[in-house]
Amino acid sequence: MQTIIAILCGVLLVGFIVFAFRQGMKVTPNRSENGTSNDIKQLTRDS
């Protein structure tokens, strides 16, 4: 019984990791507007 529960939990864990990886690959990072460089430009331009 414990082995069946362990296998089911392992399958769920692997499935969740694969799902999260696929969702993360759908998002394309926009390096030109990631917020860090624009915030610095905004602060230096205002002052």
Protein backbone atom coordinates (compact mmCIF):
# COMPACT_ATOMS: atom_id res chain seq x y z
CA MET A 1 0.00 0.00 0.00
CA GLN A 2 2.81 2.40 0.84
CA THR A 3 4.53 1.71 -2.46
CA ILE A 4 1.35 2.58 -4.38
CA ILE A 5 1.05 5.89 -2.51
CA ALA A 6 4.75 6.60 -3.09
CA ILE A 7 4.42 5.93 -6.82
CA LEU A 8 1.32 8.13 -7.07
CA CYS A 9 3.04 10.97 -5.21
CA GLY A 10 6.11 10.62 -7.43
CA VAL A 11 3.99 10.77 -10.57
CA LEU A 12 2.17 13.85 -9.27
CA LEU A 13 5.45 15.55 -8.40
CA VAL A 14 7.00 14.84 -11.79
CA GLY A 15 3.81 15.97 -13.52
CA PHE A 16 3.79 19.22 -11.59
CA ILE A 17 7.44 19.90 -12.40
CA VAL A 18 6.84 19.24 -16.11
CA PHE A 19 3.75 21.46 -16.08
CA ALA A 20 5.61 24.31 -14.35
CA PHE A 21 8.53 24.00 -16.77
CA ARG A 22 6.21 24.15 -19.79
CA GLN A 23 4.39 27.19 -18.37
CA GLY A 24 7.73 28.90 -17.75
CA MET A 25 8.88 28.26 -21.29
CA LYS A 26 5.76 29.97 -22.69
CA VAL A 27 6.78 33.29 -21.13
CA THR A 28 9.40 35.05 -23.21
CA PRO A 29 11.56 37.41 -21.15
CA ASN A 30 11.80 40.92 -22.55
CA ARG A 31 15.32 41.95 -21.61
CA SER A 32 14.98 45.54 -22.80
CA GLU A 33 12.04 46.33 -20.50
CA ASN A 34 12.52 44.14 -17.44
CA GLY A 35 12.08 47.09 -15.08
CA THR A 36 15.59 47.39 -13.71
CA SER A 37 17.21 49.46 -16.45
CA ASN A 38 14.10 51.59 -16.99
CA ASP A 39 13.84 52.38 -13.27
CA ILE A 40 17.46 53.54 -13.23
CA LYS A 41 16.96 55.68 -16.34
CA GLN A 42 13.81 57.18 -14.86
CA LEU A 43 15.53 58.08 -11.59
CA THR A 44 18.57 59.67 -13.27
CA ARG A 45 16.45 61.62 -15.76
CA ASP A 46 14.18 63.10 -13.06
CA SER A 47 16.99 64.32 -10.84
